[in-house]
Amino acid sequence: MNYKLTSKAEEISKSEELLYEVLFKPIGLDQSARQLLKIPGDEYHFVAMEEDEVPGVMLEENSIEQTN
């Protein structure tokens, strides 16, 4: 198994599907829930890769601070 930071669209898509299946679907939320809860700013996908599959993902979000 390999672990890496990814910006590849296919790997991000698979990681998003995993997040939905594990975190949101079991509590009855639809696939738009993550986007609605997303913090504005940069997002980094750290994925575990096993061949072409993504069996694990960790997200880091750096929020954009707003000042008045």
N, C-alpha and C. Protein backbone atom coordinates (compact mmCIF):
# COMPACT_ATOMS: atom_id res chain seq x y z
N MET A 1 0.85 -1.17 0.00
CA MET A 1 0.00 0.00 0.00
C MET A 1 0.90 1.23 0.00
N ASN A 2 0.52 2.23 -0.80
CA ASN A 2 1.25 3.49 -0.87
C ASN A 2 0.40 4.62 -0.29
N TYR A 3 1.05 5.59 0.29
CA TYR A 3 0.38 6.75 0.85
C TYR A 3 0.94 7.99 0.19
N LYS A 4 0.06 8.91 -0.23
CA LYS A 4 0.56 10.10 -0.91
C LYS A 4 -0.45 11.24 -0.88
N LEU A 5 0.07 12.43 -1.09
CA LEU A 5 -0.74 13.62 -1.31
C LEU A 5 -1.07 13.60 -2.80
N THR A 6 -2.34 13.78 -3.15
CA THR A 6 -2.71 13.70 -4.56
C THR A 6 -3.48 14.94 -5.02
N SER A 7 -3.30 15.24 -6.29
CA SER A 7 -4.10 16.27 -6.95
C SER A 7 -4.73 15.69 -8.21
N LYS A 8 -4.61 14.37 -8.39
CA LYS A 8 -5.19 13.70 -9.55
C LYS A 8 -6.70 13.59 -9.40
N ALA A 9 -7.42 14.05 -10.43
CA ALA A 9 -8.89 14.08 -10.37
C ALA A 9 -9.49 12.71 -10.09
N GLU A 10 -8.96 11.66 -10.69
CA GLU A 10 -9.53 10.32 -10.49
C GLU A 10 -9.36 9.86 -9.04
N GLU A 11 -8.20 10.11 -8.46
CA GLU A 11 -7.96 9.71 -7.07
C GLU A 11 -8.79 10.55 -6.11
N ILE A 12 -8.94 11.83 -6.40
CA ILE A 12 -9.79 12.69 -5.56
C ILE A 12 -11.24 12.23 -5.63
N SER A 13 -11.69 11.89 -6.82
CA SER A 13 -13.06 11.40 -6.98
C SER A 13 -13.30 10.13 -6.17
N LYS A 14 -12.34 9.22 -6.21
CA LYS A 14 -12.46 7.98 -5.43
C LYS A 14 -12.42 8.27 -3.93
N SER A 15 -11.62 9.23 -3.52
CA SER A 15 -11.55 9.57 -2.09
C SER A 15 -12.85 10.24 -1.64
N GLU A 16 -13.44 11.05 -2.50
CA GLU A 16 -14.73 11.68 -2.18
C GLU A 16 -15.82 10.63 -2.02
N GLU A 17 -15.82 9.63 -2.89
CA GLU A 17 -16.80 8.55 -2.81
C GLU A 17 -16.63 7.77 -1.51
N LEU A 18 -15.39 7.50 -1.12
CA LEU A 18 -15.13 6.81 0.14
C LEU A 18 -15.63 7.63 1.32
N LEU A 19 -15.35 8.92 1.33
CA LEU A 19 -15.83 9.78 2.42
C LEU A 19 -17.35 9.74 2.51
N TYR A 20 -18.02 9.80 1.37
CA TYR A 20 -19.47 9.75 1.36
C TYR A 20 -19.97 8.42 1.93
N GLU A 21 -19.42 7.31 1.43
CA GLU A 21 -19.88 5.98 1.86
C GLU A 21 -19.67 5.73 3.35
N VAL A 22 -18.58 6.25 3.90
CA VAL A 22 -18.22 5.98 5.30
C VAL A 22 -18.82 7.00 6.27
N LEU A 23 -18.83 8.27 5.89
CA LEU A 23 -19.22 9.31 6.84
C LEU A 23 -20.65 9.84 6.68
N PHE A 24 -21.10 10.02 5.46
CA PHE A 24 -22.37 10.71 5.26
C PHE A 24 -23.55 9.80 4.96
N LYS A 25 -23.36 8.80 4.13
CA LYS A 25 -24.44 7.89 3.77
C LYS A 25 -25.02 7.17 4.99
N PRO A 26 -24.18 6.67 5.92
CA PRO A 26 -24.74 5.95 7.07
C PRO A 26 -25.67 6.79 7.96
N ILE A 27 -25.54 8.10 7.92
CA ILE A 27 -26.43 8.93 8.74
C ILE A 27 -27.50 9.62 7.90
N GLY A 28 -27.70 9.11 6.68
CA GLY A 28 -28.81 9.56 5.85
C GLY A 28 -28.59 10.85 5.07
N LEU A 29 -27.35 11.32 4.97
CA LEU A 29 -27.09 12.53 4.20
C LEU A 29 -26.78 12.17 2.75
N ASP A 30 -27.12 13.06 1.82
CA ASP A 30 -26.82 12.78 0.42
C ASP A 30 -25.43 13.27 0.05
N GLN A 31 -25.06 13.08 -1.21
CA GLN A 31 -23.69 13.37 -1.63
C GLN A 31 -23.36 14.85 -1.64
N SER A 32 -24.35 15.71 -1.58
CA SER A 32 -24.07 17.15 -1.55
C SER A 32 -23.66 17.63 -0.14
N ALA A 33 -23.82 16.79 0.86
CA ALA A 33 -23.57 17.20 2.25
C ALA A 33 -22.14 17.68 2.46
N ARG A 34 -21.17 16.99 1.91
CA ARG A 34 -19.77 17.40 2.12
C ARG A 34 -19.50 18.76 1.53
N GLN A 35 -20.03 19.03 0.36
CA GLN A 35 -19.82 20.34 -0.26
C GLN A 35 -20.50 21.45 0.56
N LEU A 36 -21.65 21.15 1.12
CA LEU A 36 -22.35 22.13 1.95
C LEU A 36 -21.61 22.42 3.25
N LEU A 37 -20.90 21.43 3.78
CA LEU A 37 -20.18 21.57 5.04
C LEU A 37 -18.72 22.00 4.85
N LYS A 38 -18.28 22.07 3.61
CA LYS A 38 -16.89 22.37 3.30
C LYS A 38 -16.49 23.76 3.78
N ILE A 39 -15.28 23.86 4.32
CA ILE A 39 -14.72 25.12 4.77
C ILE A 39 -14.03 25.79 3.58
N PRO A 40 -14.34 27.05 3.27
CA PRO A 40 -13.65 27.72 2.16
C PRO A 40 -12.14 27.77 2.40
N GLY A 41 -11.38 27.49 1.38
CA GLY A 41 -9.92 27.51 1.48
C GLY A 41 -9.31 26.35 0.73
N ASP A 42 -8.03 26.13 0.96
CA ASP A 42 -7.31 25.05 0.31
C ASP A 42 -7.67 23.71 0.92
N GLU A 43 -7.68 22.69 0.09
CA GLU A 43 -8.00 21.34 0.55
C GLU A 43 -6.94 20.38 0.00
N TYR A 44 -6.44 19.51 0.87
CA TYR A 44 -5.41 18.56 0.49
C TYR A 44 -5.91 17.15 0.76
N HIS A 45 -5.78 16.28 -0.23
CA HIS A 45 -6.22 14.89 -0.12
C HIS A 45 -4.99 14.00 0.05
N PHE A 46 -4.87 13.38 1.21
CA PHE A 46 -3.85 12.36 1.46
C PHE A 46 -4.56 11.02 1.30
N VAL A 47 -4.10 10.21 0.37
CA VAL A 47 -4.80 8.95 0.09
C VAL A 47 -3.89 7.76 0.32
N ALA A 48 -4.52 6.67 0.71
CA ALA A 48 -3.86 5.37 0.72
C ALA A 48 -4.25 4.72 -0.60
N MET A 49 -3.27 4.24 -1.35
CA MET A 49 -3.54 3.62 -2.65
C MET A 49 -3.14 2.15 -2.61
N GLU A 50 -4.03 1.32 -3.09
CA GLU A 50 -3.74 -0.10 -3.25
C GLU A 50 -4.16 -0.46 -4.67
N GLU A 51 -3.17 -0.56 -5.54
CA GLU A 51 -3.37 -0.69 -6.98
C GLU A 51 -4.16 0.54 -7.43
N ASP A 52 -5.36 0.36 -8.02
CA ASP A 52 -6.14 1.52 -8.48
C ASP A 52 -7.22 1.94 -7.49
N GLU A 53 -7.23 1.34 -6.32
CA GLU A 53 -8.26 1.63 -5.33
C GLU A 53 -7.76 2.59 -4.26
N VAL A 54 -8.70 3.30 -3.64
CA VAL A 54 -8.41 4.22 -2.53
C VAL A 54 -9.12 3.68 -1.29
N PRO A 55 -8.42 2.85 -0.47
CA PRO A 55 -9.05 2.30 0.72
C PRO A 55 -9.00 3.23 1.93
N GLY A 56 -8.32 4.37 1.80
CA GLY A 56 -8.23 5.30 2.92
C GLY A 56 -7.95 6.70 2.46
N VAL A 57 -8.46 7.68 3.19
CA VAL A 57 -8.25 9.09 2.83
C VAL A 57 -8.25 9.94 4.10
N MET A 58 -7.44 10.98 4.07
CA MET A 58 -7.44 11.99 5.13
C MET A 58 -7.44 13.34 4.43
N LEU A 59 -8.27 14.25 4.89
CA LEU A 59 -8.34 15.59 4.32
C LEU A 59 -7.76 16.60 5.27
N GLU A 60 -7.12 17.58 4.69
CA GLU A 60 -6.68 18.75 5.46
C GLU A 60 -7.26 19.96 4.76
N GLU A 61 -7.92 20.79 5.52
CA GLU A 61 -8.48 22.03 4.98
C GLU A 61 -7.86 23.22 5.68
N ASN A 62 -7.33 24.13 4.90
CA ASN A 62 -6.79 25.38 5.44
C ASN A 62 -7.81 26.46 5.15
N SER A 63 -8.45 26.94 6.19
CA SER A 63 -9.51 27.92 5.99
C SER A 63 -8.93 29.29 5.65
N ILE A 64 -9.73 30.05 4.93
CA ILE A 64 -9.38 31.43 4.60
C ILE A 64 -9.91 32.30 5.72
N GLU A 65 -9.01 32.97 6.38
CA GLU A 65 -9.44 33.84 7.48
C GLU A 65 -9.93 35.17 6.93
N GLN A 66 -11.07 35.61 7.43
CA GLN A 66 -11.62 36.88 7.00
C GLN A 66 -11.40 37.90 8.09
N THR A 67 -10.92 39.06 7.72
CA THR A 67 -10.72 40.13 8.70
C THR A 67 -11.59 41.31 8.32
N ASN A 68 -12.01 42.05 9.32
CA ASN A 68 -12.85 43.23 9.07
C ASN A 68 -12.03 44.48 9.07
